[in-house]
């Protein structure tokens, strides 16, 4: 088991990776943490963050296609808000209780 400080930093970094970039870098950070870390809680947080990022990309593509029906624009703004608010909640939760991995609501878990 890793020390609590390192667990908090790596878990928060995996959830906060979306703030660094909206490209593949935001997926690369949780993958790197998943491969490097040996702590089960950190791995669970990295896996959950990876699932959240993949879900955002899938929803973004679907909502982008719905622009042609004029419902896509409000949905894209909603997705933008969710992509900022949910990781902030995850980081706060991980920093307050580092022994329990955070689980995003309403996402499909792929990894």
C-alpha atoms as a PDB file:
ATOM      1  CA  UNK A   1       0.000   0.000   0.000  1.00  0.00           C
ATOM      2  CA  UNK A   2       1.238   3.460  -0.846  1.00  0.00           C
ATOM      3  CA  UNK A   3       1.296   6.283   1.628  1.00  0.00           C
ATOM      4  CA  UNK A   4      -1.817   8.419   1.977  1.00  0.00           C
ATOM      5  CA  UNK A   5      -0.274  11.543   0.450  1.00  0.00           C
ATOM      6  CA  UNK A   6       0.829   9.753  -2.687  1.00  0.00           C
ATOM      7  CA  UNK A   7      -2.555   8.017  -2.932  1.00  0.00           C
ATOM      8  CA  UNK A   8      -4.349  11.373  -2.736  1.00  0.00           C
ATOM      9  CA  UNK A   9      -2.082  13.019  -5.316  1.00  0.00           C
ATOM     10  CA  UNK A  10      -2.275  10.195  -7.856  1.00  0.00           C
ATOM     11  CA  UNK A  11      -6.032   9.773  -7.434  1.00  0.00           C
ATOM     12  CA  UNK A  12      -6.657  13.523  -7.751  1.00  0.00           C
ATOM     13  CA  UNK A  13      -4.314  13.706 -10.745  1.00  0.00           C
ATOM     14  CA  UNK A  14      -6.179  10.939 -12.547  1.00  0.00           C
ATOM     15  CA  UNK A  15      -9.521  12.699 -12.036  1.00  0.00           C
ATOM     16  CA  UNK A  16      -8.090  16.139 -12.794  1.00  0.00           C
ATOM     17  CA  UNK A  17      -6.361  15.065 -16.003  1.00  0.00           C
ATOM     18  CA  UNK A  18      -9.272  16.448 -18.021  1.00  0.00           C
ATOM     19  CA  UNK A  19      -8.263  19.966 -16.989  1.00  0.00           C
ATOM     20  CA  UNK A  20      -4.817  19.602 -18.583  1.00  0.00           C
ATOM     21  CA  UNK A  21      -6.087  18.947 -22.079  1.00  0.00           C
ATOM     22  CA  UNK A  22      -9.203  17.837 -23.889  1.00  0.00           C
ATOM     23  CA  UNK A  23      -7.182  15.668 -26.260  1.00  0.00           C
ATOM     24  CA  UNK A  24      -5.689  12.241 -25.839  1.00  0.00           C
ATOM     25  CA  UNK A  25      -3.441  13.576 -23.042  1.00  0.00           C
ATOM     26  CA  UNK A  26      -6.414  13.522 -20.693  1.00  0.00           C
ATOM     27  CA  UNK A  27      -6.754   9.786 -21.310  1.00  0.00           C
ATOM     28  CA  UNK A  28      -3.014   9.145 -21.238  1.00  0.00           C
ATOM     29  CA  UNK A  29      -2.534  10.373 -17.673  1.00  0.00           C
ATOM     30  CA  UNK A  30      -5.018   7.909 -16.078  1.00  0.00           C
ATOM     31  CA  UNK A  31      -3.594   5.106 -18.252  1.00  0.00           C
ATOM     32  CA  UNK A  32      -0.064   5.910 -17.069  1.00  0.00           C
ATOM     33  CA  UNK A  33      -1.216   6.031 -13.444  1.00  0.00           C
ATOM     34  CA  UNK A  34      -3.062   2.743 -13.929  1.00  0.00           C
ATOM     35  CA  UNK A  35       0.092   1.076 -15.263  1.00  0.00           C
ATOM     36  CA  UNK A  36       2.550   2.601 -12.786  1.00  0.00           C
ATOM     37  CA  UNK A  37       0.672   2.406  -9.495  1.00  0.00           C
ATOM     38  CA  UNK A  38       0.416  -0.724  -7.377  1.00  0.00           C
ATOM     39  CA  UNK A  39      -2.225   0.671  -5.006  1.00  0.00           C
ATOM     40  CA  UNK A  40      -5.701  -0.782  -5.546  1.00  0.00           C
ATOM     41  CA  UNK A  41      -7.501   2.468  -4.650  1.00  0.00           C
ATOM     42  CA  UNK A  42      -5.381   4.525  -7.049  1.00  0.00           C
ATOM     43  CA  UNK A  43      -5.947   1.960  -9.807  1.00  0.00           C
ATOM     44  CA  UNK A  44      -9.713   2.057  -9.189  1.00  0.00           C
ATOM     45  CA  UNK A  45      -9.703   5.870  -9.356  1.00  0.00           C
ATOM     46  CA  UNK A  46      -7.629   5.848 -12.565  1.00  0.00           C
ATOM     47  CA  UNK A  47      -9.959   3.270 -14.133  1.00  0.00           C
ATOM     48  CA  UNK A  48     -13.027   5.296 -13.176  1.00  0.00           C
ATOM     49  CA  UNK A  49     -11.465   8.482 -14.530  1.00  0.00           C
ATOM     50  CA  UNK A  50     -10.627   6.697 -17.772  1.00  0.00           C
ATOM     51  CA  UNK A  51     -14.213   5.516 -18.083  1.00  0.00           C
ATOM     52  CA  UNK A  52     -15.470   9.055 -17.487  1.00  0.00           C
ATOM     53  CA  UNK A  53     -13.169  10.482 -20.160  1.00  0.00           C
ATOM     54  CA  UNK A  54     -14.215   7.864 -22.709  1.00  0.00           C
ATOM     55  CA  UNK A  55     -17.883   8.503 -21.904  1.00  0.00           C
ATOM     56  CA  UNK A  56     -17.383  12.233 -22.463  1.00  0.00           C
ATOM     57  CA  UNK A  57     -15.889  11.594 -25.894  1.00  0.00           C
ATOM     58  CA  UNK A  58     -18.725   9.250 -26.859  1.00  0.00           C
ATOM     59  CA  UNK A  59     -21.383  11.697 -25.646  1.00  0.00           C
ATOM     60  CA  UNK A  60     -19.577  14.538 -27.417  1.00  0.00           C
ATOM     61  CA  UNK A  61     -19.706  12.690 -30.736  1.00  0.00           C
ATOM     62  CA  UNK A  62     -23.373  11.807 -30.290  1.00  0.00           C
ATOM     63  CA  UNK A  63     -24.349  15.336 -29.235  1.00  0.00           C
ATOM     64  CA  UNK A  64     -22.253  16.769 -32.059  1.00  0.00           C
ATOM     65  CA  UNK A  65     -24.240  14.717 -34.542  1.00  0.00           C
ATOM     66  CA  UNK A  66     -27.454  15.972 -32.958  1.00  0.00           C
ATOM     67  CA  UNK A  67     -26.553  19.560 -33.839  1.00  0.00           C
ATOM     68  CA  UNK A  68     -28.351  19.010 -37.110  1.00  0.00           C
ATOM     69  CA  UNK A  69     -31.586  18.494 -35.172  1.00  0.00           C
ATOM     70  CA  UNK A  70     -30.916  21.619 -33.056  1.00  0.00           C
ATOM     71  CA  UNK A  71     -31.002  19.703 -29.769  1.00  0.00           C
ATOM     72  CA  UNK A  72     -27.261  19.065 -29.874  1.00  0.00           C
ATOM     73  CA  UNK A  73     -26.151  22.582 -28.965  1.00  0.00           C
ATOM     74  CA  UNK A  74     -27.810  22.675 -25.513  1.00  0.00           C
ATOM     75  CA  UNK A  75     -26.654  19.116 -24.892  1.00  0.00           C
ATOM     76  CA  UNK A  76     -23.068  20.073 -25.748  1.00  0.00           C
ATOM     77  CA  UNK A  77     -23.230  22.963 -23.263  1.00  0.00           C
ATOM     78  CA  UNK A  78     -24.589  20.564 -20.648  1.00  0.00           C
ATOM     79  CA  UNK A  79     -21.770  18.133 -21.429  1.00  0.00           C
ATOM     80  CA  UNK A  80     -19.241  20.950 -21.032  1.00  0.00           C
ATOM     81  CA  UNK A  81     -20.660  21.818 -17.613  1.00  0.00           C
ATOM     82  CA  UNK A  82     -20.646  18.164 -16.538  1.00  0.00           C
ATOM     83  CA  UNK A  83     -17.073  17.713 -17.763  1.00  0.00           C
ATOM     84  CA  UNK A  84     -15.973  20.494 -15.397  1.00  0.00           C
ATOM     85  CA  UNK A  85     -18.224  19.914 -12.389  1.00  0.00           C
ATOM     86  CA  UNK A  86     -17.949  16.134 -12.011  1.00  0.00           C
ATOM     87  CA  UNK A  87     -14.126  15.964 -11.902  1.00  0.00           C
ATOM     88  CA  UNK A  88     -14.076  18.770  -9.323  1.00  0.00           C
ATOM     89  CA  UNK A  89     -16.501  16.772  -7.168  1.00  0.00           C
ATOM     90  CA  UNK A  90     -14.352  13.664  -7.691  1.00  0.00           C
ATOM     91  CA  UNK A  91     -11.167  15.484  -6.664  1.00  0.00           C
ATOM     92  CA  UNK A  92     -12.808  16.856  -3.527  1.00  0.00           C
ATOM     93  CA  UNK A  93     -14.161  13.422  -2.624  1.00  0.00           C
ATOM     94  CA  UNK A  94     -10.811  11.708  -3.225  1.00  0.00           C
ATOM     95  CA  UNK A  95      -8.927  14.282  -1.166  1.00  0.00           C
ATOM     96  CA  UNK A  96     -11.398  14.058   1.724  1.00  0.00           C
ATOM     97  CA  UNK A  97     -11.555  10.245   1.859  1.00  0.00           C
ATOM     98  CA  UNK A  98      -8.545   8.650   0.201  1.00  0.00           C
ATOM     99  CA  UNK A  99      -9.477   5.078   1.133  1.00  0.00           C
ATOM    100  CA  UNK A 100     -12.600   4.898  -1.027  1.00  0.00           C
ATOM    101  CA  UNK A 101     -12.395   5.208  -4.830  1.00  0.00           C
ATOM    102  CA  UNK A 102     -14.801   7.711  -6.361  1.00  0.00           C
ATOM    103  CA  UNK A 103     -17.453   6.439  -8.791  1.00  0.00           C
ATOM    104  CA  UNK A 104     -19.008   8.781 -11.317  1.00  0.00           C
ATOM    105  CA  UNK A 105     -22.796   8.502 -11.567  1.00  0.00           C
ATOM    106  CA  UNK A 106     -24.586   7.770 -14.850  1.00  0.00           C
ATOM    107  CA  UNK A 107     -21.611   6.521 -16.887  1.00  0.00           C
ATOM    108  CA  UNK A 108     -20.976   3.285 -18.718  1.00  0.00           C
ATOM    109  CA  UNK A 109     -18.005   1.473 -17.274  1.00  0.00           C
ATOM    110  CA  UNK A 110     -15.945   0.164 -20.171  1.00  0.00           C
ATOM    111  CA  UNK A 111     -12.523  -0.472 -18.637  1.00  0.00           C
END
